[in-house]
Amino acid sequence: MIRNLLGATLLMAMAAIPANAATRACVGYVDFVYVRDDGSAYVKTTWSQSSHQVCNVKADWKGITPDLCLSWMAQLGVAIAYGKNTRIDYRDIPSCGTLPSNDSAPAPLFIMVRHETRP
């Protein structure tokens, strides 16, 4: 009885997870970051051919608050200054190399500065 209940609960939980909600970790180095006068914050990385928006320092953007954006921009600045490896995770992108450019990019799930240093 308990085994059947646990199995049914597990199946219901799995059914609630969208099949296309895969998370992709993009790992590499930051070439540059910039913030436009409207607050839009962009990053250019080694895994993408063009820059893309990650957040906005003045207003909420795709669920990312300005406070979180400022924190991320500080982390990206450290990554550039010290040549550190960076990881940015996204949901539902086919590959890191095909990340849409500019403000068409999805919002990151998180930004991490890693220990590895650029060669």
Foldseek 3Di string as FASTA:
>chain_A
DVVVVVVVVVVVVVVPDDPQFDKDKDKFAWPDWDADPQQFIWTDTPLEPAIETQAGLPQGDLNQGNVNVVVQVVLNVVCVVQQFMKIWMDTRDPDSHPADHYHVGHHTPDMDTDDDHDD
